[in-house]
Amino acid sequence: MHTANSIIIIAILFNDKITHANSRRIQRNILRTNKKCLGYISIVVDDYDRAIDYYVNKLGFTLIEDTPQPGKRWVVVSPNPESDCHLLLARAANETQEAFIGNQCGGRVFLFLQTDDFWRDYHAMKSAGVQFCEAPREEEYGTVVVFEDHHGNRWDLLQRK
């Protein structure tokens, strides 16, 4: 944002008119050129192959990468391969990490899986054996249901209004 502020200050010095709309446009353009986003979200698992099976065959994710490395694998899955953010399946390497398997977020919803067709994905996931914690519900922000992954981490399946 320093760059946007600098542009606004320069424009003021040169007596250019800066409206709120122009300011927002400048900031959006700067964000496009200085793009930051989440790349990977790690989730601790007990077994790579079981985790891949769950995310690919139950949730319909795509296996993006499975690369062996010394003592571990780099395993990446995604509900949308064209997205900038993917899920990194990280096998627990010690007892401390093992304690967080299935409890990534202390019992709260950990991740939000957004969809463009709630009922299509809900029925597909239910048919695949995904465990839902409640019935789907309508909220002011969209249609949502909580489910648990194969380790017990809580997720929301969500279609925003």
C-alpha atoms as a PDB file:
ATOM      1  CA  MET A   1       0.000   0.000   0.000  1.00  0.00           C
ATOM      2  CA  HIS A   2       2.948   2.355   0.342  1.00  0.00           C
ATOM      3  CA  THR A   3       3.132   2.492  -3.441  1.00  0.00           C
ATOM      4  CA  ALA A   4      -0.560   3.440  -3.726  1.00  0.00           C
ATOM      5  CA  ASN A   5      -0.119   6.141  -1.120  1.00  0.00           C
ATOM      6  CA  SER A   6       2.957   7.415  -2.961  1.00  0.00           C
ATOM      7  CA  ILE A   7       1.011   7.643  -6.209  1.00  0.00           C
ATOM      8  CA  ILE A   8      -1.767   9.552  -4.474  1.00  0.00           C
ATOM      9  CA  ILE A   9       0.740  11.931  -2.878  1.00  0.00           C
ATOM     10  CA  ILE A  10       2.488  12.483  -6.222  1.00  0.00           C
ATOM     11  CA  ALA A  11      -0.866  13.181  -7.873  1.00  0.00           C
ATOM     12  CA  ILE A  12      -1.723  15.712  -5.181  1.00  0.00           C
ATOM     13  CA  LEU A  13       1.640  17.422  -5.638  1.00  0.00           C
ATOM     14  CA  PHE A  14       0.923  17.760  -9.339  1.00  0.00           C
ATOM     15  CA  ASN A  15      -2.625  18.927  -8.586  1.00  0.00           C
ATOM     16  CA  ASP A  16      -4.255  15.893 -10.229  1.00  0.00           C
ATOM     17  CA  LYS A  17      -7.730  15.054  -9.030  1.00  0.00           C
ATOM     18  CA  ILE A  18      -7.783  11.806  -7.030  1.00  0.00           C
ATOM     19  CA  THR A  19     -11.253  10.479  -6.376  1.00  0.00           C
ATOM     20  CA  HIS A  20     -12.061   7.537  -4.140  1.00  0.00           C
ATOM     21  CA  ALA A  21     -12.773   5.466  -7.259  1.00  0.00           C
ATOM     22  CA  ASN A  22      -9.406   6.391  -8.768  1.00  0.00           C
ATOM     23  CA  SER A  23      -7.664   5.578  -5.502  1.00  0.00           C
ATOM     24  CA  ARG A  24      -9.315   2.118  -5.351  1.00  0.00           C
ATOM     25  CA  ARG A  25      -8.434   1.497  -9.013  1.00  0.00           C
ATOM     26  CA  ILE A  26      -4.801   2.402  -8.346  1.00  0.00           C
ATOM     27  CA  GLN A  27      -4.701   0.098  -5.316  1.00  0.00           C
ATOM     28  CA  ARG A  28      -6.264  -2.794  -7.294  1.00  0.00           C
ATOM     29  CA  ASN A  29      -3.687  -2.357 -10.061  1.00  0.00           C
ATOM     30  CA  ILE A  30      -0.870  -2.377  -7.513  1.00  0.00           C
ATOM     31  CA  LEU A  31      -2.260  -5.530  -5.890  1.00  0.00           C
ATOM     32  CA  ARG A  32      -2.349  -7.205  -9.309  1.00  0.00           C
ATOM     33  CA  THR A  33       1.326  -6.486  -9.831  1.00  0.00           C
ATOM     34  CA  ASN A  34       2.319  -7.327  -6.236  1.00  0.00           C
ATOM     35  CA  LYS A  35       0.129 -10.388  -5.905  1.00  0.00           C
ATOM     36  CA  LYS A  36       0.314 -12.343  -2.681  1.00  0.00           C
ATOM     37  CA  CYS A  37      -1.754 -15.399  -1.919  1.00  0.00           C
ATOM     38  CA  LEU A  38      -1.663 -18.569   0.086  1.00  0.00           C
ATOM     39  CA  GLY A  39       0.156 -21.228  -1.886  1.00  0.00           C
ATOM     40  CA  TYR A  40      -0.144 -24.299   0.308  1.00  0.00           C
ATOM     41  CA  ILE A  41      -2.008 -25.208   3.455  1.00  0.00           C
ATOM     42  CA  SER A  42      -0.397 -28.109   5.318  1.00  0.00           C
ATOM     43  CA  ILE A  43      -2.557 -30.765   6.871  1.00  0.00           C
ATOM     44  CA  VAL A  44      -0.924 -33.398   9.061  1.00  0.00           C
ATOM     45  CA  VAL A  45      -1.812 -36.972   8.092  1.00  0.00           C
ATOM     46  CA  ASP A  46      -0.800 -40.403   9.352  1.00  0.00           C
ATOM     47  CA  ASP A  47      -0.355 -42.058   5.950  1.00  0.00           C
ATOM     48  CA  TYR A  48       0.192 -40.495   2.527  1.00  0.00           C
ATOM     49  CA  ASP A  49      -1.634 -43.125   0.491  1.00  0.00           C
ATOM     50  CA  ARG A  50      -4.737 -43.214   2.708  1.00  0.00           C
ATOM     51  CA  ALA A  51      -4.868 -39.413   2.646  1.00  0.00           C
ATOM     52  CA  ILE A  52      -4.521 -39.320  -1.154  1.00  0.00           C
ATOM     53  CA  ASP A  53      -7.281 -41.922  -1.463  1.00  0.00           C
ATOM     54  CA  TYR A  54      -9.595 -39.883   0.756  1.00  0.00           C
ATOM     55  CA  TYR A  55      -9.037 -36.503  -0.868  1.00  0.00           C
ATOM     56  CA  VAL A  56      -9.098 -37.818  -4.445  1.00  0.00           C
ATOM     57  CA  ASN A  57     -11.786 -40.517  -4.218  1.00  0.00           C
ATOM     58  CA  LYS A  58     -14.098 -39.106  -1.534  1.00  0.00           C
ATOM     59  CA  LEU A  59     -13.772 -35.339  -1.947  1.00  0.00           C
ATOM     60  CA  GLY A  60     -13.034 -35.332  -5.687  1.00  0.00           C
ATOM     61  CA  PHE A  61      -9.717 -33.477  -5.410  1.00  0.00           C
ATOM     62  CA  THR A  62      -6.968 -33.780  -8.014  1.00  0.00           C
ATOM     63  CA  LEU A  63      -3.550 -35.167  -7.124  1.00  0.00           C
ATOM     64  CA  ILE A  64      -1.239 -32.351  -8.238  1.00  0.00           C
ATOM     65  CA  GLU A  65       2.096 -33.794  -7.150  1.00  0.00           C
ATOM     66  CA  ASP A  66       3.516 -36.812  -5.343  1.00  0.00           C
ATOM     67  CA  THR A  67       7.295 -36.510  -5.251  1.00  0.00           C
ATOM     68  CA  PRO A  68       9.478 -38.768  -3.079  1.00  0.00           C
ATOM     69  CA  GLN A  69      12.047 -36.993  -0.933  1.00  0.00           C
ATOM     70  CA  PRO A  70      14.456 -38.358   1.674  1.00  0.00           C
ATOM     71  CA  GLY A  71      12.299 -39.620   4.546  1.00  0.00           C
ATOM     72  CA  LYS A  72       9.070 -38.101   3.231  1.00  0.00           C
ATOM     73  CA  ARG A  73       7.004 -37.223   0.165  1.00  0.00           C
ATOM     74  CA  TRP A  74       5.830 -33.892  -1.227  1.00  0.00           C
ATOM     75  CA  VAL A  75       2.128 -34.624  -1.753  1.00  0.00           C
ATOM     76  CA  VAL A  76      -0.162 -31.892  -3.046  1.00  0.00           C
ATOM     77  CA  VAL A  77      -3.897 -32.172  -3.745  1.00  0.00           C
ATOM     78  CA  SER A  78      -6.435 -29.565  -4.774  1.00  0.00           C
ATOM     79  CA  PRO A  79     -10.161 -29.257  -5.396  1.00  0.00           C
ATOM     80  CA  ASN A  80      -9.262 -26.953  -8.288  1.00  0.00           C
ATOM     81  CA  PRO A  81      -5.893 -27.523  -9.987  1.00  0.00           C
ATOM     82  CA  GLU A  82      -6.020 -24.017 -11.493  1.00  0.00           C
ATOM     83  CA  SER A  83      -6.261 -22.423  -8.050  1.00  0.00           C
ATOM     84  CA  ASP A  84      -3.272 -20.706  -6.471  1.00  0.00           C
ATOM     85  CA  CYS A  85      -3.855 -22.529  -3.177  1.00  0.00           C
ATOM     86  CA  HIS A  86      -3.392 -26.264  -2.680  1.00  0.00           C
ATOM     87  CA  LEU A  87      -3.433 -28.686   0.223  1.00  0.00           C
ATOM     88  CA  LEU A  88      -0.056 -30.144   1.226  1.00  0.00           C
ATOM     89  CA  LEU A  89      -0.450 -33.562   2.847  1.00  0.00           C
ATOM     90  CA  ALA A  90       2.317 -33.745   5.453  1.00  0.00           C
ATOM     91  CA  ARG A  91       2.902 -37.057   7.215  1.00  0.00           C
ATOM     92  CA  ALA A  92       3.483 -36.608  10.930  1.00  0.00           C
ATOM     93  CA  ALA A  93       7.200 -36.967  11.667  1.00  0.00           C
ATOM     94  CA  ASN A  94       7.077 -37.128  15.472  1.00  0.00           C
ATOM     95  CA  GLU A  95       4.749 -37.560  18.458  1.00  0.00           C
ATOM     96  CA  THR A  96       4.037 -33.844  18.741  1.00  0.00           C
ATOM     97  CA  GLN A  97       2.824 -33.720  15.135  1.00  0.00           C
ATOM     98  CA  GLU A  98       0.886 -36.975  15.560  1.00  0.00           C
ATOM     99  CA  ALA A  99      -1.081 -35.350  18.387  1.00  0.00           C
ATOM    100  CA  PHE A 100      -2.527 -32.847  15.888  1.00  0.00           C
ATOM    101  CA  ILE A 101      -3.767 -35.406  13.369  1.00  0.00           C
ATOM    102  CA  GLY A 102      -7.522 -34.873  13.185  1.00  0.00           C
ATOM    103  CA  ASN A 103      -7.372 -31.793  15.381  1.00  0.00           C
ATOM    104  CA  GLN A 104      -5.714 -29.169  13.202  1.00  0.00           C
ATOM    105  CA  CYS A 105      -7.904 -26.399  14.591  1.00  0.00           C
ATOM    106  CA  GLY A 106      -8.828 -27.447  18.124  1.00  0.00           C
ATOM    107  CA  GLY A 107     -12.242 -28.841  17.173  1.00  0.00           C
ATOM    108  CA  ARG A 108     -13.353 -25.821  15.146  1.00  0.00           C
ATOM    109  CA  VAL A 109     -13.955 -25.879  11.411  1.00  0.00           C
ATOM    110  CA  PHE A 110     -10.487 -25.915   9.869  1.00  0.00           C
ATOM    111  CA  LEU A 111     -11.086 -25.420   6.155  1.00  0.00           C
ATOM    112  CA  PHE A 112     -13.903 -24.122   3.974  1.00  0.00           C
ATOM    113  CA  LEU A 113     -14.494 -25.969   0.710  1.00  0.00           C
ATOM    114  CA  GLN A 114     -16.379 -23.540  -1.529  1.00  0.00           C
ATOM    115  CA  THR A 115     -18.445 -24.848  -4.416  1.00  0.00           C
ATOM    116  CA  ASP A 116     -20.513 -23.443  -7.244  1.00  0.00           C
ATOM    117  CA  ASP A 117     -23.093 -26.254  -6.847  1.00  0.00           C
ATOM    118  CA  PHE A 118     -23.701 -27.233  -3.238  1.00  0.00           C
ATOM    119  CA  TRP A 119     -26.215 -30.016  -3.841  1.00  0.00           C
ATOM    120  CA  ARG A 120     -24.170 -31.681  -6.597  1.00  0.00           C
ATOM    121  CA  ASP A 121     -21.098 -31.843  -4.367  1.00  0.00           C
ATOM    122  CA  TYR A 122     -23.015 -32.700  -1.189  1.00  0.00           C
ATOM    123  CA  HIS A 123     -24.688 -35.716  -2.842  1.00  0.00           C
ATOM    124  CA  ALA A 124     -21.445 -36.845  -4.512  1.00  0.00           C
ATOM    125  CA  MET A 125     -19.557 -36.627  -1.215  1.00  0.00           C
ATOM    126  CA  LYS A 126     -22.346 -38.379   0.694  1.00  0.00           C
ATOM    127  CA  SER A 127     -22.408 -41.182  -1.909  1.00  0.00           C
ATOM    128  CA  ALA A 128     -18.616 -41.509  -1.575  1.00  0.00           C
ATOM    129  CA  GLY A 129     -18.949 -42.034   2.191  1.00  0.00           C
ATOM    130  CA  VAL A 130     -17.992 -38.611   3.560  1.00  0.00           C
ATOM    131  CA  GLN A 131     -19.178 -38.236   7.164  1.00  0.00           C
ATOM    132  CA  PHE A 132     -21.396 -35.187   7.690  1.00  0.00           C
ATOM    133  CA  CYS A 133     -21.866 -33.771  11.191  1.00  0.00           C
ATOM    134  CA  GLU A 134     -25.245 -32.172  10.544  1.00  0.00           C
ATOM    135  CA  ALA A 135     -27.912 -31.590   7.929  1.00  0.00           C
ATOM    136  CA  PRO A 136     -27.274 -28.918   5.294  1.00  0.00           C
ATOM    137  CA  ARG A 137     -28.597 -25.506   6.263  1.00  0.00           C
ATOM    138  CA  GLU A 138     -29.289 -22.135   4.705  1.00  0.00           C
ATOM    139  CA  GLU A 139     -27.505 -19.183   6.275  1.00  0.00           C
ATOM    140  CA  GLU A 140     -27.512 -15.519   5.297  1.00  0.00           C
ATOM    141  CA  TYR A 141     -24.142 -16.082   3.583  1.00  0.00           C
ATOM    142  CA  GLY A 142     -25.039 -19.294   1.730  1.00  0.00           C
ATOM    143  CA  THR A 143     -25.774 -23.015   1.913  1.00  0.00           C
ATOM    144  CA  VAL A 144     -23.447 -24.879   4.270  1.00  0.00           C
ATOM    145  CA  VAL A 145     -22.847 -28.218   5.963  1.00  0.00           C
ATOM    146  CA  VAL A 146     -20.071 -29.372   8.302  1.00  0.00           C
ATOM    147  CA  PHE A 147     -18.246 -32.614   7.540  1.00  0.00           C
ATOM    148  CA  GLU A 148     -15.233 -34.408   8.969  1.00  0.00           C
ATOM    149  CA  ASP A 149     -12.339 -35.728   6.939  1.00  0.00           C
ATOM    150  CA  HIS A 150     -10.974 -39.234   7.492  1.00  0.00           C
ATOM    151  CA  HIS A 151      -8.950 -38.012  10.486  1.00  0.00           C
ATOM    152  CA  GLY A 152     -11.710 -35.964  12.115  1.00  0.00           C
ATOM    153  CA  ASN A 153     -10.758 -32.448  10.986  1.00  0.00           C
ATOM    154  CA  ARG A 154     -13.891 -30.377  10.549  1.00  0.00           C
ATOM    155  CA  TRP A 155     -14.630 -28.685   7.221  1.00  0.00           C
ATOM    156  CA  ASP A 156     -17.463 -26.598   5.816  1.00  0.00           C
ATOM    157  CA  LEU A 157     -18.858 -27.360   2.385  1.00  0.00           C
ATOM    158  CA  LEU A 158     -20.140 -23.952   1.336  1.00  0.00           C
ATOM    159  CA  GLN A 159     -21.900 -22.331  -1.582  1.00  0.00           C
ATOM    160  CA  ARG A 160     -21.910 -18.579  -1.043  1.00  0.00           C
ATOM    161  CA  LYS A 161     -24.909 -16.493  -2.063  1.00  0.00           C
END
